[in-house]
C-alpha atoms as a PDB file:
ATOM      1  CA  MET A   1      25.065 -13.967  24.090  1.00  0.00           C
ATOM      2  CA  LEU A   2      26.550 -10.754  22.680  1.00  0.00           C
ATOM      3  CA  VAL A   3      27.537 -12.566  19.476  1.00  0.00           C
ATOM      4  CA  VAL A   4      23.984 -13.849  19.001  1.00  0.00           C
ATOM      5  CA  LEU A   5      22.595 -10.366  19.598  1.00  0.00           C
ATOM      6  CA  LEU A   6      24.942  -8.760  17.070  1.00  0.00           C
ATOM      7  CA  ARG A   7      24.333 -11.474  14.447  1.00  0.00           C
ATOM      8  CA  THR A   8      20.581 -11.085  14.879  1.00  0.00           C
ATOM      9  CA  LEU A   9      20.682  -7.307  14.536  1.00  0.00           C
ATOM     10  CA  LEU A  10      22.967  -7.534  11.503  1.00  0.00           C
ATOM     11  CA  LEU A  11      20.824 -10.104   9.708  1.00  0.00           C
ATOM     12  CA  TYR A  12      17.676  -8.202  10.590  1.00  0.00           C
ATOM     13  CA  SER A  13      19.173  -5.051   9.063  1.00  0.00           C
ATOM     14  CA  PHE A  14      20.146  -6.900   5.887  1.00  0.00           C
ATOM     15  CA  VAL A  15      16.676  -8.429   5.480  1.00  0.00           C
ATOM     16  CA  VAL A  16      14.946  -5.077   6.051  1.00  0.00           C
ATOM     17  CA  ILE A  17      17.211  -3.392   3.494  1.00  0.00           C
ATOM     18  CA  PHE A  18      16.704  -6.168   0.941  1.00  0.00           C
ATOM     19  CA  MET A  19      12.927  -6.144   1.431  1.00  0.00           C
ATOM     20  CA  ARG A  20      12.967  -2.384   0.953  1.00  0.00           C
ATOM     21  CA  ILE A  21      14.925  -2.811  -2.284  1.00  0.00           C
ATOM     22  CA  MET A  22      12.413  -5.342  -3.586  1.00  0.00           C
ATOM     23  CA  GLY A  23       9.523  -2.857  -3.344  1.00  0.00           C
ATOM     24  CA  LYS A  24       6.639  -1.560  -1.261  1.00  0.00           C
ATOM     25  CA  ARG A  25       3.924  -4.131  -1.839  1.00  0.00           C
ATOM     26  CA  GLN A  26       1.970  -5.499   1.095  1.00  0.00           C
ATOM     27  CA  ILE A  27       1.662  -9.235   1.706  1.00  0.00           C
ATOM     28  CA  GLY A  28      -1.799  -9.354   0.124  1.00  0.00           C
ATOM     29  CA  GLN A  29      -0.481  -7.688  -3.045  1.00  0.00           C
ATOM     30  CA  LEU A  30       2.518  -9.961  -3.616  1.00  0.00           C
ATOM     31  CA  GLN A  31       2.761 -12.095  -6.721  1.00  0.00           C
ATOM     32  CA  PRO A  32       3.348 -15.847  -6.072  1.00  0.00           C
ATOM     33  CA  PHE A  33       7.081 -15.699  -6.861  1.00  0.00           C
ATOM     34  CA  GLU A  34       7.456 -12.634  -4.621  1.00  0.00           C
ATOM     35  CA  LEU A  35       5.747 -14.430  -1.739  1.00  0.00           C
ATOM     36  CA  VAL A  36       8.067 -17.427  -2.206  1.00  0.00           C
ATOM     37  CA  VAL A  37      11.117 -15.152  -2.067  1.00  0.00           C
ATOM     38  CA  THR A  38       9.787 -13.453   1.080  1.00  0.00           C
ATOM     39  CA  LEU A  39       9.272 -16.785   2.869  1.00  0.00           C
ATOM     40  CA  MET A  40      12.692 -18.080   1.809  1.00  0.00           C
ATOM     41  CA  LEU A  41      14.386 -14.888   3.014  1.00  0.00           C
ATOM     42  CA  SER A  42      12.918 -15.333   6.478  1.00  0.00           C
ATOM     43  CA  GLU A  43      14.038 -18.967   6.601  1.00  0.00           C
ATOM     44  CA  LEU A  44      17.571 -18.190   5.395  1.00  0.00           C
ATOM     45  CA  ALA A  45      17.929 -15.384   7.935  1.00  0.00           C
ATOM     46  CA  ALA A  46      16.662 -17.550  10.795  1.00  0.00           C
ATOM     47  CA  ILE A  47      19.248 -20.319  10.319  1.00  0.00           C
ATOM     48  CA  PRO A  48      22.399 -18.236  11.039  1.00  0.00           C
ATOM     49  CA  MET A  49      20.555 -16.509  13.913  1.00  0.00           C
ATOM     50  CA  GLN A  50      19.918 -19.806  15.660  1.00  0.00           C
ATOM     51  CA  ASN A  51      23.216 -21.518  14.851  1.00  0.00           C
ATOM     52  CA  THR A  52      26.272 -19.385  15.650  1.00  0.00           C
ATOM     53  CA  GLY A  53      28.476 -22.113  14.158  1.00  0.00           C
ATOM     54  CA  ILE A  54      27.356 -21.144  10.672  1.00  0.00           C
ATOM     55  CA  PRO A  55      29.452 -18.280   9.223  1.00  0.00           C
ATOM     56  CA  LEU A  56      27.401 -15.134   8.812  1.00  0.00           C
ATOM     57  CA  VAL A  57      28.424 -14.847   5.165  1.00  0.00           C
ATOM     58  CA  ASN A  58      26.773 -18.227   4.489  1.00  0.00           C
ATOM     59  CA  GLY A  59      23.451 -16.635   5.388  1.00  0.00           C
ATOM     60  CA  ILE A  60      23.981 -13.310   3.659  1.00  0.00           C
ATOM     61  CA  ILE A  61      25.088 -14.702   0.259  1.00  0.00           C
ATOM     62  CA  PRO A  62      21.931 -16.844  -0.314  1.00  0.00           C
ATOM     63  CA  ILE A  63      19.760 -13.904   0.770  1.00  0.00           C
ATOM     64  CA  LEU A  64      21.564 -11.596  -1.649  1.00  0.00           C
ATOM     65  CA  THR A  65      21.254 -14.196  -4.424  1.00  0.00           C
ATOM     66  CA  LEU A  66      17.490 -14.454  -3.911  1.00  0.00           C
ATOM     67  CA  VAL A  67      17.082 -10.682  -3.905  1.00  0.00           C
ATOM     68  CA  VAL A  68      19.032 -10.333  -7.155  1.00  0.00           C
ATOM     69  CA  ALA A  69      17.000 -13.154  -8.740  1.00  0.00           C
ATOM     70  CA  GLN A  70      13.760 -11.485  -7.645  1.00  0.00           C
ATOM     71  CA  ILE A  71      14.816  -8.121  -9.061  1.00  0.00           C
ATOM     72  CA  VAL A  72      15.816  -9.736 -12.377  1.00  0.00           C
ATOM     73  CA  LEU A  73      12.482 -11.589 -12.606  1.00  0.00           C
ATOM     74  CA  SER A  74      10.583  -8.403 -11.796  1.00  0.00           C
ATOM     75  CA  TYR A  75      12.478  -6.490 -14.480  1.00  0.00           C
ATOM     76  CA  VAL A  76      11.960  -9.211 -17.102  1.00  0.00           C
ATOM     77  CA  SER A  77       8.238  -9.462 -16.301  1.00  0.00           C
ATOM     78  CA  LEU A  78       8.010  -5.672 -16.548  1.00  0.00           C
ATOM     79  CA  LYS A  79       9.434  -5.705 -20.074  1.00  0.00           C
ATOM     80  CA  SER A  80       7.785  -8.866 -21.438  1.00  0.00           C
ATOM     81  CA  GLU A  81       4.050  -9.482 -21.309  1.00  0.00           C
ATOM     82  CA  ARG A  82       4.545 -13.166 -22.189  1.00  0.00           C
ATOM     83  CA  VAL A  83       7.016 -13.724 -19.355  1.00  0.00           C
ATOM     84  CA  ARG A  84       4.757 -11.773 -17.011  1.00  0.00           C
ATOM     85  CA  GLY A  85       1.902 -14.107 -17.863  1.00  0.00           C
ATOM     86  CA  ILE A  86       4.055 -17.177 -17.134  1.00  0.00           C
ATOM     87  CA  ILE A  87       5.477 -15.857 -13.853  1.00  0.00           C
ATOM     88  CA  CYS A  88       2.534 -13.915 -12.453  1.00  0.00           C
ATOM     89  CA  GLY A  89      -0.391 -15.464 -14.277  1.00  0.00           C
ATOM     90  CA  THR A  90      -3.272 -13.509 -15.823  1.00  0.00           C
ATOM     91  CA  PRO A  91      -6.477 -12.038 -14.360  1.00  0.00           C
ATOM     92  CA  SER A  92      -9.519 -14.315 -14.500  1.00  0.00           C
ATOM     93  CA  VAL A  93     -13.082 -13.137 -15.177  1.00  0.00           C
ATOM     94  CA  LEU A  94     -15.449 -14.803 -12.695  1.00  0.00           C
ATOM     95  CA  ILE A  95     -18.550 -12.769 -13.570  1.00  0.00           C
ATOM     96  CA  GLU A  96     -19.028 -11.500 -17.119  1.00  0.00           C
ATOM     97  CA  ASN A  97     -21.964  -9.362 -18.254  1.00  0.00           C
ATOM     98  CA  GLY A  98     -23.798 -10.204 -15.052  1.00  0.00           C
ATOM     99  CA  ARG A  99     -23.391 -14.001 -15.395  1.00  0.00           C
ATOM    100  CA  ILE A 100     -21.161 -16.275 -13.321  1.00  0.00           C
ATOM    101  CA  VAL A 101     -18.479 -17.936 -15.438  1.00  0.00           C
ATOM    102  CA  GLU A 102     -18.806 -21.461 -14.019  1.00  0.00           C
ATOM    103  CA  PRO A 103     -15.938 -23.076 -16.014  1.00  0.00           C
ATOM    104  CA  GLU A 104     -13.540 -20.426 -14.702  1.00  0.00           C
ATOM    105  CA  LEU A 105     -14.633 -21.051 -11.111  1.00  0.00           C
ATOM    106  CA  GLN A 106     -13.999 -24.772 -11.582  1.00  0.00           C
ATOM    107  CA  ARG A 107     -10.599 -24.189 -13.197  1.00  0.00           C
ATOM    108  CA  LEU A 108      -9.470 -21.972 -10.313  1.00  0.00           C
ATOM    109  CA  ARG A 109     -11.153 -24.162  -7.651  1.00  0.00           C
ATOM    110  CA  TYR A 110     -12.906 -21.000  -6.498  1.00  0.00           C
ATOM    111  CA  ASN A 111     -16.271 -21.867  -4.934  1.00  0.00           C
ATOM    112  CA  LEU A 112     -19.405 -19.755  -4.850  1.00  0.00           C
ATOM    113  CA  SER A 113     -19.101 -19.122  -1.115  1.00  0.00           C
ATOM    114  CA  ASP A 114     -15.686 -17.520  -1.661  1.00  0.00           C
ATOM    115  CA  LEU A 115     -17.073 -15.409  -4.487  1.00  0.00           C
ATOM    116  CA  LEU A 116     -20.030 -14.181  -2.434  1.00  0.00           C
ATOM    117  CA  GLU A 117     -17.759 -13.440   0.526  1.00  0.00           C
ATOM    118  CA  GLN A 118     -15.464 -11.320  -1.633  1.00  0.00           C
ATOM    119  CA  LEU A 119     -18.427  -9.466  -3.133  1.00  0.00           C
ATOM    120  CA  ARG A 120     -19.754  -8.653   0.346  1.00  0.00           C
ATOM    121  CA  ALA A 121     -16.302  -7.381   1.298  1.00  0.00           C
ATOM    122  CA  LYS A 122     -16.617  -4.964  -1.660  1.00  0.00           C
ATOM    123  CA  ASN A 123     -20.028  -3.790  -0.364  1.00  0.00           C
ATOM    124  CA  VAL A 124     -21.870  -5.619  -3.140  1.00  0.00           C
ATOM    125  CA  PRO A 125     -24.199  -8.058  -1.337  1.00  0.00           C
ATOM    126  CA  ASN A 126     -26.355  -8.744  -4.413  1.00  0.00           C
ATOM    127  CA  ILE A 127     -24.670 -10.643  -7.222  1.00  0.00           C
ATOM    128  CA  SER A 128     -27.283  -9.350  -9.682  1.00  0.00           C
ATOM    129  CA  ASP A 129     -25.755  -5.860  -9.291  1.00  0.00           C
ATOM    130  CA  VAL A 130     -22.399  -7.006 -10.712  1.00  0.00           C
ATOM    131  CA  GLU A 131     -21.426  -6.481 -14.345  1.00  0.00           C
ATOM    132  CA  PHE A 132     -17.886  -7.876 -14.057  1.00  0.00           C
ATOM    133  CA  ALA A 133     -15.894  -9.527 -11.285  1.00  0.00           C
ATOM    134  CA  ILE A 134     -12.223 -10.142 -12.025  1.00  0.00           C
ATOM    135  CA  LEU A 135      -9.838 -12.180  -9.901  1.00  0.00           C
ATOM    136  CA  GLU A 136      -6.506 -10.379 -10.150  1.00  0.00           C
ATOM    137  CA  THR A 137      -3.112 -12.100 -10.142  1.00  0.00           C
ATOM    138  CA  SER A 138      -2.574 -10.930  -6.551  1.00  0.00           C
ATOM    139  CA  GLY A 139      -5.688 -12.840  -5.443  1.00  0.00           C
ATOM    140  CA  GLN A 140      -7.767  -9.689  -4.960  1.00  0.00           C
ATOM    141  CA  LEU A 141     -11.242  -9.519  -6.504  1.00  0.00           C
ATOM    142  CA  SER A 142     -12.038  -6.419  -8.581  1.00  0.00           C
ATOM    143  CA  VAL A 143     -15.765  -5.713  -8.860  1.00  0.00           C
ATOM    144  CA  ILE A 144     -17.381  -3.528 -11.529  1.00  0.00           C
ATOM    145  CA  PRO A 145     -21.058  -2.876 -10.709  1.00  0.00           C
ATOM    146  CA  LYS A 146     -23.703  -2.433 -13.368  1.00  0.00           C
ATOM    147  CA  SER A 147     -24.029   1.149 -14.557  1.00  0.00           C
ATOM    148  CA  GLN A 148     -27.464   1.465 -12.914  1.00  0.00           C
ATOM    149  CA  LYS A 149     -26.004   0.457  -9.551  1.00  0.00           C
ATOM    150  CA  ARG A 150     -22.963   2.739  -9.480  1.00  0.00           C
ATOM    151  CA  PRO A 151     -22.969   5.860  -7.294  1.00  0.00           C
ATOM    152  CA  VAL A 152     -23.770   9.082  -9.127  1.00  0.00           C
ATOM    153  CA  VAL A 153     -20.702  11.223  -9.831  1.00  0.00           C
ATOM    154  CA  PRO A 154     -20.634  14.929 -10.790  1.00  0.00           C
ATOM    155  CA  ASP A 155     -19.860  14.072 -14.417  1.00  0.00           C
ATOM    156  CA  ASP A 156     -23.151  12.140 -14.682  1.00  0.00           C
ATOM    157  CA  ILE A 157     -25.100  15.377 -14.138  1.00  0.00           C
ATOM    158  CA  ASN A 158     -22.623  17.651 -15.956  1.00  0.00           C
ATOM    159  CA  LEU A 159     -21.602  19.340 -12.711  1.00  0.00           C
ATOM    160  CA  LEU A 160     -18.290  21.186 -12.698  1.00  0.00           C
ATOM    161  CA  THR A 161     -16.238  20.732  -9.543  1.00  0.00           C
ATOM    162  CA  PRO A 162     -13.185  22.672  -8.367  1.00  0.00           C
ATOM    163  CA  TYR A 163      -9.756  21.095  -8.264  1.00  0.00           C
ATOM    164  CA  GLU A 164      -9.059  19.559  -4.858  1.00  0.00           C
ATOM    165  CA  GLY A 165      -5.596  18.032  -4.985  1.00  0.00           C
ATOM    166  CA  ILE A 166      -4.335  16.355  -1.840  1.00  0.00           C
ATOM    167  CA  PRO A 167      -3.592  17.915   1.552  1.00  0.00           C
ATOM    168  CA  TYR A 168       0.034  18.018   2.666  1.00  0.00           C
ATOM    169  CA  SER A 169       1.103  17.348   6.236  1.00  0.00           C
ATOM    170  CA  VAL A 170       2.971  20.386   7.551  1.00  0.00           C
ATOM    171  CA  ILE A 171       3.254  19.462  11.237  1.00  0.00           C
ATOM    172  CA  MET A 172       3.523  15.979  12.703  1.00  0.00           C
ATOM    173  CA  ASP A 173       3.928  15.478  16.440  1.00  0.00           C
ATOM    174  CA  GLY A 174       5.171  19.032  16.886  1.00  0.00           C
ATOM    175  CA  HIS A 175       7.740  18.905  14.067  1.00  0.00           C
ATOM    176  CA  ILE A 176       7.407  21.124  10.996  1.00  0.00           C
ATOM    177  CA  ILE A 177       7.739  19.287   7.666  1.00  0.00           C
ATOM    178  CA  HIS A 178       9.706  21.843   5.656  1.00  0.00           C
ATOM    179  CA  LYS A 179       9.680  19.980   2.311  1.00  0.00           C
ATOM    180  CA  ASN A 180       5.879  19.977   2.223  1.00  0.00           C
ATOM    181  CA  LEU A 181       5.743  23.697   2.950  1.00  0.00           C
ATOM    182  CA  ILE A 182       8.065  24.241  -0.010  1.00  0.00           C
ATOM    183  CA  LYS A 183       5.836  22.112  -2.271  1.00  0.00           C
ATOM    184  CA  LEU A 184       2.884  24.288  -1.280  1.00  0.00           C
ATOM    185  CA  GLY A 185       4.838  27.474  -1.947  1.00  0.00           C
ATOM    186  CA  LEU A 186       4.581  28.457   1.717  1.00  0.00           C
ATOM    187  CA  ASP A 187       7.098  29.227   4.438  1.00  0.00           C
ATOM    188  CA  ILE A 188       7.471  29.071   8.218  1.00  0.00           C
ATOM    189  CA  PRO A 189       6.385  32.709   8.840  1.00  0.00           C
ATOM    190  CA  TRP A 190       3.079  31.966   7.055  1.00  0.00           C
ATOM    191  CA  LEU A 191       2.571  28.849   9.163  1.00  0.00           C
ATOM    192  CA  GLN A 192       3.387  30.644  12.400  1.00  0.00           C
ATOM    193  CA  LYS A 193       1.009  33.457  11.503  1.00  0.00           C
ATOM    194  CA  GLU A 194      -1.816  31.000  10.853  1.00  0.00           C
ATOM    195  CA  LEU A 195      -1.132  29.202  14.116  1.00  0.00           C
ATOM    196  CA  GLU A 196      -1.162  32.484  16.032  1.00  0.00           C
ATOM    197  CA  LYS A 197      -4.611  33.203  14.599  1.00  0.00           C
ATOM    198  CA  LEU A 198      -5.728  29.968  16.223  1.00  0.00           C
ATOM    199  CA  GLY A 199      -4.151  30.852  19.564  1.00  0.00           C
ATOM    200  CA  ILE A 200      -1.220  28.471  19.131  1.00  0.00           C
ATOM    201  CA  GLU A 201       2.106  30.023  20.065  1.00  0.00           C
ATOM    202  CA  ASN A 202       4.430  27.133  19.293  1.00  0.00           C
ATOM    203  CA  PRO A 203       4.206  24.378  16.622  1.00  0.00           C
ATOM    204  CA  ARG A 204       5.272  21.900  19.307  1.00  0.00           C
ATOM    205  CA  GLN A 205       1.763  22.256  20.764  1.00  0.00           C
ATOM    206  CA  VAL A 206       0.337  20.732  17.549  1.00  0.00           C
ATOM    207  CA  LEU A 207      -0.109  16.990  17.139  1.00  0.00           C
ATOM    208  CA  PHE A 208      -0.954  17.205  13.431  1.00  0.00           C
ATOM    209  CA  ALA A 209      -1.574  19.922  10.846  1.00  0.00           C
ATOM    210  CA  SER A 210      -2.150  19.804   7.106  1.00  0.00           C
ATOM    211  CA  VAL A 211      -2.801  22.315   4.335  1.00  0.00           C
ATOM    212  CA  ASP A 212      -5.033  21.611   1.325  1.00  0.00           C
ATOM    213  CA  SER A 213      -4.912  23.061  -2.192  1.00  0.00           C
ATOM    214  CA  GLN A 214      -7.084  25.991  -1.043  1.00  0.00           C
ATOM    215  CA  ARG A 215      -4.495  26.770   1.647  1.00  0.00           C
ATOM    216  CA  LYS A 216      -6.892  25.891   4.433  1.00  0.00           C
ATOM    217  CA  LEU A 217      -5.113  24.694   7.544  1.00  0.00           C
ATOM    218  CA  TYR A 218      -6.452  21.702   9.456  1.00  0.00           C
ATOM    219  CA  TYR A 219      -4.950  21.177  12.872  1.00  0.00           C
ATOM    220  CA  GLN A 220      -5.248  19.209  16.090  1.00  0.00           C
ATOM    221  CA  LYS A 221      -3.459  20.170  19.272  1.00  0.00           C
ATOM    222  CA  LYS A 222      -1.727  17.614  21.457  1.00  0.00           C
ATOM    223  CA  ASN A 223      -3.861  16.020  24.160  1.00  0.00           C
ATOM    224  CA  SER A 224      -6.995  17.208  22.373  1.00  0.00           C
ATOM    225  CA  THR A 225      -9.907  15.061  21.211  1.00  0.00           C
ATOM    226  CA  SER A 226     -11.023  17.359  18.401  1.00  0.00           C
ATOM    227  CA  GLY A 227      -9.508  19.235  15.495  1.00  0.00           C
ATOM    228  CA  GLY A 228     -10.306  22.386  13.610  1.00  0.00           C
ATOM    229  CA  ILE A 229      -9.851  24.271  10.379  1.00  0.00           C
ATOM    230  CA  GLY A 230      -8.114  27.601  10.189  1.00  0.00           C
ATOM    231  CA  HIS A 231      -9.218  30.430   7.906  1.00  0.00           C
END
């Protein structure tokens, strides 16, 4: 029993490390060859887990071989557009200039019900509002609405907006994230001073806190149902 437990933990660790090396894509974003590698890795790892008579190295070597092959294919497809087209395929235009491209639907065996479902998932219930719909190589549908149907943005009315940037988490579950404070050009005394203004004596009382580009502090205390913004 102990041997099985150790083999399982070891193989699990190897698979997690190898998957991490291969990249950060989610299942829905994987290219076909990446999905094949993922499925084969799980199968190869499961065999030595179930059968203790198989040497552990016999499971690790095929897994390592697949990972190396996947990395090589990814690198080659990154450098060569032609190879990338062969391995990953190319995007397909399903709606062009507001008209459904019927031959492309037939070639991909992509029916109208699937197309309408994907459009609804993109909050575009009316197909007449679509200028282009492109089926990406990952299987995701990219929708470009007609210019008259797109939301108004500040640039459309020549409105200048201030730079926002992204907020940085500075406290998570009571722990201060020092590297983010450094990125913001802030330090612990500043953070403690801001917390004291809010009646918080110890960062451990804070479930989450973030600071935006305007140095405004958002926080939520532990066991609290609401948050607030410091000044």
